[in-house]
Amino acid sequence: MVSNADKFTCVAQYNTNMQGVDRLDQLRGQFSLADGHTFKKWYKKLGMAIVDVARVNAYMSRTLSIDLEKDRDPHRSFVAQLTEELISGN
């Protein structure tokens, strides 16, 4: 068994912040633009991945600012609302 004294500080710091990375990967994977399509050019996939991360950041900001307990699937409704607003140009 490894004690806390045996761990490197960088490993301990990584493990404390890992929950945010896991949550980002989970939310990005649900409605991913980059993973759902194949692109011949690498920069298109990179651009879609950046859009995915921006979408997840917007969703997380929204969850921190309002109460989402009333919504059954808040992430899905957020993506639907975001899509409608982007299409309508609001």
PDB file of N, CA and C in Angstrom:
ATOM      1  N   MET A   1       0.843  -1.177   0.000  1.00  0.00           N
ATOM      2  CA  MET A   1       0.000   0.000   0.000  1.00  0.00           C
ATOM      3  C   MET A   1       0.892   1.245   0.000  1.00  0.00           C
ATOM      4  N   VAL A   2       0.524   2.225  -0.802  1.00  0.00           N
ATOM      5  CA  VAL A   2       1.309   3.446  -0.932  1.00  0.00           C
ATOM      6  C   VAL A   2       0.752   4.488   0.019  1.00  0.00           C
ATOM      7  N   SER A   3       1.619   5.051   0.811  1.00  0.00           N
ATOM      8  CA  SER A   3       1.178   6.101   1.727  1.00  0.00           C
ATOM      9  C   SER A   3       1.250   7.455   1.022  1.00  0.00           C
ATOM     10  N   ASN A   4       0.641   8.446   1.651  1.00  0.00           N
ATOM     11  CA  ASN A   4       0.651   9.785   1.078  1.00  0.00           C
ATOM     12  C   ASN A   4       2.059  10.364   1.004  1.00  0.00           C
ATOM     13  N   ALA A   5       2.939   9.933   1.901  1.00  0.00           N
ATOM     14  CA  ALA A   5       4.311  10.442   1.900  1.00  0.00           C
ATOM     15  C   ALA A   5       5.091   9.929   0.695  1.00  0.00           C
ATOM     16  N   ASP A   6       4.693   8.775   0.149  1.00  0.00           N
ATOM     17  CA  ASP A   6       5.406   8.189  -0.981  1.00  0.00           C
ATOM     18  C   ASP A   6       5.021   8.816  -2.321  1.00  0.00           C
ATOM     19  N   LYS A   7       3.924   9.522  -2.379  1.00  0.00           N
ATOM     20  CA  LYS A   7       3.470  10.105  -3.642  1.00  0.00           C
ATOM     21  C   LYS A   7       4.266  11.360  -3.973  1.00  0.00           C
ATOM     22  N   PHE A   8       4.500  11.542  -5.234  1.00  0.00           N
ATOM     23  CA  PHE A   8       5.068  12.805  -5.681  1.00  0.00           C
ATOM     24  C   PHE A   8       3.998  13.879  -5.579  1.00  0.00           C
ATOM     25  N   THR A   9       4.418  15.106  -5.379  1.00  0.00           N
ATOM     26  CA  THR A   9       3.445  16.194  -5.248  1.00  0.00           C
ATOM     27  C   THR A   9       2.687  16.420  -6.549  1.00  0.00           C
ATOM     28  N   CYS A  10       3.343  16.229  -7.691  1.00  0.00           N
ATOM     29  CA  CYS A  10       2.647  16.433  -8.963  1.00  0.00           C
ATOM     30  C   CYS A  10       1.558  15.383  -9.168  1.00  0.00           C
ATOM     31  N   VAL A  11       1.791  14.156  -8.718  1.00  0.00           N
ATOM     32  CA  VAL A  11       0.782  13.104  -8.841  1.00  0.00           C
ATOM     33  C   VAL A  11      -0.397  13.400  -7.928  1.00  0.00           C
ATOM     34  N   ALA A  12      -0.123  13.832  -6.718  1.00  0.00           N
ATOM     35  CA  ALA A  12      -1.198  14.168  -5.784  1.00  0.00           C
ATOM     36  C   ALA A  12      -2.015  15.346  -6.303  1.00  0.00           C
ATOM     37  N   GLN A  13      -1.348  16.344  -6.862  1.00  0.00           N
ATOM     38  CA  GLN A  13      -2.048  17.506  -7.408  1.00  0.00           C
ATOM     39  C   GLN A  13      -2.897  17.106  -8.616  1.00  0.00           C
ATOM     40  N   TYR A  14      -2.368  16.251  -9.464  1.00  0.00           N
ATOM     41  CA  TYR A  14      -3.121  15.759 -10.621  1.00  0.00           C
ATOM     42  C   TYR A  14      -4.377  15.017 -10.172  1.00  0.00           C
ATOM     43  N   ASN A  15      -4.249  14.169  -9.168  1.00  0.00           N
ATOM     44  CA  ASN A  15      -5.390  13.392  -8.696  1.00  0.00           C
ATOM     45  C   ASN A  15      -6.468  14.263  -8.063  1.00  0.00           C
ATOM     46  N   THR A  16      -6.086  15.352  -7.415  1.00  0.00           N
ATOM     47  CA  THR A  16      -7.100  16.216  -6.807  1.00  0.00           C
ATOM     48  C   THR A  16      -7.892  16.972  -7.864  1.00  0.00           C
ATOM     49  N   ASN A  17      -7.285  17.276  -8.999  1.00  0.00           N
ATOM     50  CA  ASN A  17      -7.968  18.020 -10.056  1.00  0.00           C
ATOM     51  C   ASN A  17      -8.531  17.129 -11.158  1.00  0.00           C
ATOM     52  N   MET A  18      -8.397  15.839 -11.041  1.00  0.00           N
ATOM     53  CA  MET A  18      -8.815  14.918 -12.091  1.00  0.00           C
ATOM     54  C   MET A  18     -10.323  14.888 -12.287  1.00  0.00           C
ATOM     55  N   GLN A  19     -11.096  15.193 -11.252  1.00  0.00           N
ATOM     56  CA  GLN A  19     -12.553  15.142 -11.379  1.00  0.00           C
ATOM     57  C   GLN A  19     -13.052  16.112 -12.436  1.00  0.00           C
ATOM     58  N   GLY A  20     -12.452  17.272 -12.535  1.00  0.00           N
ATOM     59  CA  GLY A  20     -12.855  18.242 -13.543  1.00  0.00           C
ATOM     60  C   GLY A  20     -12.573  17.758 -14.952  1.00  0.00           C
ATOM     61  N   VAL A  21     -11.456  17.086 -15.143  1.00  0.00           N
ATOM     62  CA  VAL A  21     -11.112  16.552 -16.456  1.00  0.00           C
ATOM     63  C   VAL A  21     -12.071  15.435 -16.833  1.00  0.00           C
ATOM     64  N   ASP A  22     -12.372  14.557 -15.897  1.00  0.00           N
ATOM     65  CA  ASP A  22     -13.317  13.479 -16.168  1.00  0.00           C
ATOM     66  C   ASP A  22     -14.691  14.028 -16.519  1.00  0.00           C
ATOM     67  N   ARG A  23     -15.139  15.031 -15.809  1.00  0.00           N
ATOM     68  CA  ARG A  23     -16.454  15.629 -16.065  1.00  0.00           C
ATOM     69  C   ARG A  23     -16.482  16.288 -17.440  1.00  0.00           C
ATOM     70  N   LEU A  24     -15.398  16.962 -17.805  1.00  0.00           N
ATOM     71  CA  LEU A  24     -15.310  17.572 -19.132  1.00  0.00           C
ATOM     72  C   LEU A  24     -15.392  16.507 -20.214  1.00  0.00           C
ATOM     73  N   ASP A  25     -14.661  15.419 -20.050  1.00  0.00           N
ATOM     74  CA  ASP A  25     -14.689  14.345 -21.043  1.00  0.00           C
ATOM     75  C   ASP A  25     -16.073  13.721 -21.159  1.00  0.00           C
ATOM     76  N   GLN A  26     -16.761  13.540 -20.036  1.00  0.00           N
ATOM     77  CA  GLN A  26     -18.105  12.965 -20.063  1.00  0.00           C
ATOM     78  C   GLN A  26     -19.078  13.875 -20.786  1.00  0.00           C
ATOM     79  N   LEU A  27     -19.076  15.157 -20.439  1.00  0.00           N
ATOM     80  CA  LEU A  27     -20.016  16.092 -21.055  1.00  0.00           C
ATOM     81  C   LEU A  27     -19.675  16.354 -22.518  1.00  0.00           C
ATOM     82  N   ARG A  28     -18.409  16.406 -22.854  1.00  0.00           N
ATOM     83  CA  ARG A  28     -18.006  16.635 -24.236  1.00  0.00           C
ATOM     84  C   ARG A  28     -18.375  15.447 -25.118  1.00  0.00           C
ATOM     85  N   GLY A  29     -18.306  14.258 -24.567  1.00  0.00           N
ATOM     86  CA  GLY A  29     -18.593  13.062 -25.345  1.00  0.00           C
ATOM     87  C   GLY A  29     -20.062  12.845 -25.645  1.00  0.00           C
ATOM     88  N   GLN A  30     -20.954  13.422 -24.847  1.00  0.00           N
ATOM     89  CA  GLN A  30     -22.380  13.186 -25.044  1.00  0.00           C
ATOM     90  C   GLN A  30     -22.899  13.782 -26.342  1.00  0.00           C
ATOM     91  N   PHE A  31     -22.510  14.987 -26.663  1.00  0.00           N
ATOM     92  CA  PHE A  31     -22.995  15.665 -27.864  1.00  0.00           C
ATOM     93  C   PHE A  31     -21.817  16.216 -28.662  1.00  0.00           C
ATOM     94  N   SER A  32     -20.812  15.410 -28.858  1.00  0.00           N
ATOM     95  CA  SER A  32     -19.571  15.883 -29.459  1.00  0.00           C
ATOM     96  C   SER A  32     -19.702  16.093 -30.961  1.00  0.00           C
ATOM     97  N   LEU A  33     -19.214  17.229 -31.416  1.00  0.00           N
ATOM     98  CA  LEU A  33     -19.136  17.498 -32.848  1.00  0.00           C
ATOM     99  C   LEU A  33     -17.894  16.847 -33.442  1.00  0.00           C
ATOM    100  N   ALA A  34     -16.815  16.830 -32.690  1.00  0.00           N
ATOM    101  CA  ALA A  34     -15.549  16.305 -33.194  1.00  0.00           C
ATOM    102  C   ALA A  34     -15.555  14.783 -33.285  1.00  0.00           C
ATOM    103  N   ASP A  35     -16.170  14.114 -32.333  1.00  0.00           N
ATOM    104  CA  ASP A  35     -16.149  12.654 -32.323  1.00  0.00           C
ATOM    105  C   ASP A  35     -17.231  12.046 -33.205  1.00  0.00           C
ATOM    106  N   GLY A  36     -18.245  12.811 -33.540  1.00  0.00           N
ATOM    107  CA  GLY A  36     -19.355  12.278 -34.321  1.00  0.00           C
ATOM    108  C   GLY A  36     -19.129  12.273 -35.818  1.00  0.00           C
ATOM    109  N   HIS A  37     -18.061  12.903 -36.276  1.00  0.00           N
ATOM    110  CA  HIS A  37     -17.801  13.016 -37.705  1.00  0.00           C
ATOM    111  C   HIS A  37     -16.350  12.664 -37.998  1.00  0.00           C
ATOM    112  N   THR A  38     -16.102  12.328 -39.245  1.00  0.00           N
ATOM    113  CA  THR A  38     -14.724  12.130 -39.678  1.00  0.00           C
ATOM    114  C   THR A  38     -14.350  13.276 -40.611  1.00  0.00           C
ATOM    115  N   PHE A  39     -13.146  13.754 -40.470  1.00  0.00           N
ATOM    116  CA  PHE A  39     -12.657  14.868 -41.267  1.00  0.00           C
ATOM    117  C   PHE A  39     -11.355  14.466 -41.936  1.00  0.00           C
ATOM    118  N   LYS A  40     -11.165  14.935 -43.157  1.00  0.00           N
ATOM    119  CA  LYS A  40      -9.909  14.662 -43.852  1.00  0.00           C
ATOM    120  C   LYS A  40      -8.794  15.581 -43.367  1.00  0.00           C
ATOM    121  N   LYS A  41      -9.157  16.749 -42.927  1.00  0.00           N
ATOM    122  CA  LYS A  41      -8.166  17.717 -42.450  1.00  0.00           C
ATOM    123  C   LYS A  41      -8.167  17.728 -40.928  1.00  0.00           C
ATOM    124  N   TRP A  42      -6.989  17.686 -40.329  1.00  0.00           N
ATOM    125  CA  TRP A  42      -6.874  17.608 -38.873  1.00  0.00           C
ATOM    126  C   TRP A  42      -7.382  18.863 -38.192  1.00  0.00           C
ATOM    127  N   TYR A  43      -7.238  20.017 -38.846  1.00  0.00           N
ATOM    128  CA  TYR A  43      -7.621  21.267 -38.198  1.00  0.00           C
ATOM    129  C   TYR A  43      -9.133  21.408 -38.071  1.00  0.00           C
ATOM    130  N   LYS A  44      -9.892  20.707 -38.911  1.00  0.00           N
ATOM    131  CA  LYS A  44     -11.351  20.742 -38.773  1.00  0.00           C
ATOM    132  C   LYS A  44     -11.776  20.014 -37.501  1.00  0.00           C
ATOM    133  N   LYS A  45     -11.165  18.870 -37.254  1.00  0.00           N
ATOM    134  CA  LYS A  45     -11.471  18.128 -36.031  1.00  0.00           C
ATOM    135  C   LYS A  45     -11.043  18.924 -34.798  1.00  0.00           C
ATOM    136  N   LEU A  46      -9.899  19.581 -34.873  1.00  0.00           N
ATOM    137  CA  LEU A  46      -9.437  20.422 -33.770  1.00  0.00           C
ATOM    138  C   LEU A  46     -10.413  21.568 -33.523  1.00  0.00           C
ATOM    139  N   GLY A  47     -10.890  22.191 -34.592  1.00  0.00           N
ATOM    140  CA  GLY A  47     -11.867  23.273 -34.452  1.00  0.00           C
ATOM    141  C   GLY A  47     -13.153  22.796 -33.805  1.00  0.00           C
ATOM    142  N   MET A  48     -13.635  21.626 -34.204  1.00  0.00           N
ATOM    143  CA  MET A  48     -14.855  21.078 -33.604  1.00  0.00           C
ATOM    144  C   MET A  48     -14.629  20.710 -32.139  1.00  0.00           C
ATOM    145  N   ALA A  49     -13.437  20.230 -31.803  1.00  0.00           N
ATOM    146  CA  ALA A  49     -13.127  19.912 -30.405  1.00  0.00           C
ATOM    147  C   ALA A  49     -13.107  21.179 -29.560  1.00  0.00           C
ATOM    148  N   ILE A  50     -12.613  22.272 -30.121  1.00  0.00           N
ATOM    149  CA  ILE A  50     -12.613  23.548 -29.395  1.00  0.00           C
ATOM    150  C   ILE A  50     -14.038  24.027 -29.179  1.00  0.00           C
ATOM    151  N   VAL A  51     -14.899  23.853 -30.181  1.00  0.00           N
ATOM    152  CA  VAL A  51     -16.318  24.205 -30.027  1.00  0.00           C
ATOM    153  C   VAL A  51     -16.956  23.342 -28.941  1.00  0.00           C
ATOM    154  N   ASP A  52     -16.606  22.054 -28.896  1.00  0.00           N
ATOM    155  CA  ASP A  52     -17.128  21.160 -27.855  1.00  0.00           C
ATOM    156  C   ASP A  52     -16.738  21.642 -26.461  1.00  0.00           C
ATOM    157  N   VAL A  53     -15.487  22.008 -26.284  1.00  0.00           N
ATOM    158  CA  VAL A  53     -15.023  22.476 -24.976  1.00  0.00           C
ATOM    159  C   VAL A  53     -15.701  23.790 -24.609  1.00  0.00           C
ATOM    160  N   ALA A  54     -15.888  24.673 -25.585  1.00  0.00           N
ATOM    161  CA  ALA A  54     -16.583  25.940 -25.323  1.00  0.00           C
ATOM    162  C   ALA A  54     -18.032  25.687 -24.917  1.00  0.00           C
ATOM    163  N   ARG A  55     -18.676  24.705 -25.556  1.00  0.00           N
ATOM    164  CA  ARG A  55     -20.058  24.361 -25.205  1.00  0.00           C
ATOM    165  C   ARG A  55     -20.138  23.825 -23.783  1.00  0.00           C
ATOM    166  N   VAL A  56     -19.217  22.971 -23.405  1.00  0.00           N
ATOM    167  CA  VAL A  56     -19.212  22.417 -22.049  1.00  0.00           C
ATOM    168  C   VAL A  56     -18.934  23.517 -21.029  1.00  0.00           C
ATOM    169  N   ASN A  57     -18.020  24.428 -21.346  1.00  0.00           N
ATOM    170  CA  ASN A  57     -17.740  25.536 -20.432  1.00  0.00           C
ATOM    171  C   ASN A  57     -18.966  26.421 -20.257  1.00  0.00           C
ATOM    172  N   ALA A  58     -19.698  26.674 -21.339  1.00  0.00           N
ATOM    173  CA  ALA A  58     -20.922  27.475 -21.239  1.00  0.00           C
ATOM    174  C   ALA A  58     -21.964  26.751 -20.397  1.00  0.00           C
ATOM    175  N   TYR A  59     -22.071  25.447 -20.572  1.00  0.00           N
ATOM    176  CA  TYR A  59     -23.028  24.665 -19.784  1.00  0.00           C
ATOM    177  C   TYR A  59     -22.664  24.689 -18.299  1.00  0.00           C
ATOM    178  N   MET A  60     -21.381  24.518 -17.992  1.00  0.00           N
ATOM    179  CA  MET A  60     -20.963  24.529 -16.594  1.00  0.00           C
ATOM    180  C   MET A  60     -21.182  25.903 -15.967  1.00  0.00           C
ATOM    181  N   SER A  61     -20.952  26.965 -16.718  1.00  0.00           N
ATOM    182  CA  SER A  61     -21.218  28.317 -16.209  1.00  0.00           C
ATOM    183  C   SER A  61     -22.698  28.493 -15.923  1.00  0.00           C
ATOM    184  N   ARG A  62     -23.528  27.951 -16.795  1.00  0.00           N
ATOM    185  CA  ARG A  62     -24.981  28.049 -16.605  1.00  0.00           C
ATOM    186  C   ARG A  62     -25.422  27.264 -15.374  1.00  0.00           C
ATOM    187  N   THR A  63     -24.859  26.082 -15.164  1.00  0.00           N
ATOM    188  CA  THR A  63     -25.261  25.279 -14.007  1.00  0.00           C
ATOM    189  C   THR A  63     -24.864  25.950 -12.699  1.00  0.00           C
ATOM    190  N   LEU A  64     -23.788  26.710 -12.711  1.00  0.00           N
ATOM    191  CA  LEU A  64     -23.376  27.413 -11.500  1.00  0.00           C
ATOM    192  C   LEU A  64     -24.240  28.632 -11.218  1.00  0.00           C
ATOM    193  N   SER A  65     -24.879  29.179 -12.251  1.00  0.00           N
ATOM    194  CA  SER A  65     -25.622  30.427 -12.065  1.00  0.00           C
ATOM    195  C   SER A  65     -27.112  30.231 -11.810  1.00  0.00           C
ATOM    196  N   ILE A  66     -27.706  29.099 -12.226  1.00  0.00           N
ATOM    197  CA  ILE A  66     -29.144  28.898 -12.022  1.00  0.00           C
ATOM    198  C   ILE A  66     -29.398  27.530 -11.410  1.00  0.00           C
ATOM    199  N   ASP A  67     -30.626  27.333 -10.937  1.00  0.00           N
ATOM    200  CA  ASP A  67     -31.031  26.067 -10.326  1.00  0.00           C
ATOM    201  C   ASP A  67     -31.564  25.144 -11.414  1.00  0.00           C
ATOM    202  N   LEU A  68     -30.912  23.998 -11.603  1.00  0.00           N
ATOM    203  CA  LEU A  68     -31.304  23.073 -12.662  1.00  0.00           C
ATOM    204  C   LEU A  68     -32.000  21.823 -12.136  1.00  0.00           C
ATOM    205  N   GLU A  69     -32.376  21.800 -10.872  1.00  0.00           N
ATOM    206  CA  GLU A  69     -32.971  20.597 -10.305  1.00  0.00           C
ATOM    207  C   GLU A  69     -34.343  20.294 -10.895  1.00  0.00           C
ATOM    208  N   LYS A  70     -35.019  21.294 -11.440  1.00  0.00           N
ATOM    209  CA  LYS A  70     -36.351  21.083 -12.001  1.00  0.00           C
ATOM    210  C   LYS A  70     -36.294  20.360 -13.340  1.00  0.00           C
ATOM    211  N   ASP A  71     -35.190  20.480 -14.037  1.00  0.00           N
ATOM    212  CA  ASP A  71     -35.047  19.891 -15.360  1.00  0.00           C
ATOM    213  C   ASP A  71     -34.574  18.451 -15.234  1.00  0.00           C
ATOM    214  N   ARG A  72     -35.207  17.561 -15.985  1.00  0.00           N
ATOM    215  CA  ARG A  72     -34.867  16.151 -15.897  1.00  0.00           C
ATOM    216  C   ARG A  72     -33.515  15.848 -16.555  1.00  0.00           C
ATOM    217  N   ASP A  73     -33.273  16.445 -17.708  1.00  0.00           N
ATOM    218  CA  ASP A  73     -32.001  16.273 -18.411  1.00  0.00           C
ATOM    219  C   ASP A  73     -31.472  17.652 -18.793  1.00  0.00           C
ATOM    220  N   PRO A  74     -30.820  18.345 -17.853  1.00  0.00           N
ATOM    221  CA  PRO A  74     -30.438  19.738 -18.104  1.00  0.00           C
ATOM    222  C   PRO A  74     -29.419  19.904 -19.230  1.00  0.00           C
ATOM    223  N   HIS A  75     -28.539  18.937 -19.416  1.00  0.00           N
ATOM    224  CA  HIS A  75     -27.529  19.072 -20.466  1.00  0.00           C
ATOM    225  C   HIS A  75     -28.170  18.996 -21.847  1.00  0.00           C
ATOM    226  N   ARG A  76     -29.091  18.074 -22.025  1.00  0.00           N
ATOM    227  CA  ARG A  76     -29.780  17.936 -23.312  1.00  0.00           C
ATOM    228  C   ARG A  76     -30.597  19.182 -23.623  1.00  0.00           C
ATOM    229  N   SER A  77     -31.314  19.700 -22.645  1.00  0.00           N
ATOM    230  CA  SER A  77     -32.123  20.895 -22.890  1.00  0.00           C
ATOM    231  C   SER A  77     -31.234  22.109 -23.153  1.00  0.00           C
ATOM    232  N   PHE A  78     -30.077  22.176 -22.508  1.00  0.00           N
ATOM    233  CA  PHE A  78     -29.149  23.276 -22.776  1.00  0.00           C
ATOM    234  C   PHE A  78     -28.639  23.214 -24.208  1.00  0.00           C
ATOM    235  N   VAL A  79     -28.259  22.029 -24.668  1.00  0.00           N
ATOM    236  CA  VAL A  79     -27.754  21.887 -26.036  1.00  0.00           C
ATOM    237  C   VAL A  79     -28.853  22.213 -27.041  1.00  0.00           C
ATOM    238  N   ALA A  80     -30.087  21.790 -26.770  1.00  0.00           N
ATOM    239  CA  ALA A  80     -31.200  22.104 -27.670  1.00  0.00           C
ATOM    240  C   ALA A  80     -31.454  23.607 -27.721  1.00  0.00           C
ATOM    241  N   GLN A  81     -31.443  24.258 -26.575  1.00  0.00           N
ATOM    242  CA  GLN A  81     -31.658  25.704 -26.522  1.00  0.00           C
ATOM    243  C   GLN A  81     -30.514  26.448 -27.214  1.00  0.00           C
ATOM    244  N   LEU A  82     -29.291  26.014 -26.990  1.00  0.00           N
ATOM    245  CA  LEU A  82     -28.134  26.634 -27.629  1.00  0.00           C
ATOM    246  C   LEU A  82     -28.213  26.490 -29.147  1.00  0.00           C
ATOM    247  N   THR A  83     -28.606  25.312 -29.618  1.00  0.00           N
ATOM    248  CA  THR A  83     -28.733  25.077 -31.053  1.00  0.00           C
ATOM    249  C   THR A  83     -29.797  25.972 -31.665  1.00  0.00           C
ATOM    250  N   GLU A  84     -30.952  26.069 -31.007  1.00  0.00           N
ATOM    251  CA  GLU A  84     -32.025  26.925 -31.518  1.00  0.00           C
ATOM    252  C   GLU A  84     -31.586  28.382 -31.593  1.00  0.00           C
ATOM    253  N   GLU A  85     -30.888  28.858 -30.567  1.00  0.00           N
ATOM    254  CA  GLU A  85     -30.450  30.252 -30.559  1.00  0.00           C
ATOM    255  C   GLU A  85     -29.370  30.517 -31.604  1.00  0.00           C
ATOM    256  N   LEU A  86     -28.490  29.551 -31.832  1.00  0.00           N
ATOM    257  CA  LEU A  86     -27.471  29.737 -32.863  1.00  0.00           C
ATOM    258  C   LEU A  86     -28.085  29.744 -34.259  1.00  0.00           C
ATOM    259  N   ILE A  87     -29.089  28.896 -34.483  1.00  0.00           N
ATOM    260  CA  ILE A  87     -29.745  28.850 -35.792  1.00  0.00           C
ATOM    261  C   ILE A  87     -30.555  30.112 -36.043  1.00  0.00           C
ATOM    262  N   SER A  88     -31.262  30.594 -35.015  1.00  0.00           N
ATOM    263  CA  SER A  88     -32.104  31.776 -35.191  1.00  0.00           C
ATOM    264  C   SER A  88     -31.288  33.068 -35.232  1.00  0.00           C
ATOM    265  N   GLY A  89     -30.053  33.031 -34.769  1.00  0.00           N
ATOM    266  CA  GLY A  89     -29.190  34.206 -34.810  1.00  0.00           C
ATOM    267  C   GLY A  89     -29.340  35.125 -33.623  1.00  0.00           C
ATOM    268  N   ASN A  90     -29.915  34.644 -32.531  1.00  0.00           N
ATOM    269  CA  ASN A  90     -30.081  35.490 -31.335  1.00  0.00           C
ATOM    270  C   ASN A  90     -28.811  35.565 -30.546  1.00  0.00           C
TER     271      ASN A  90
END
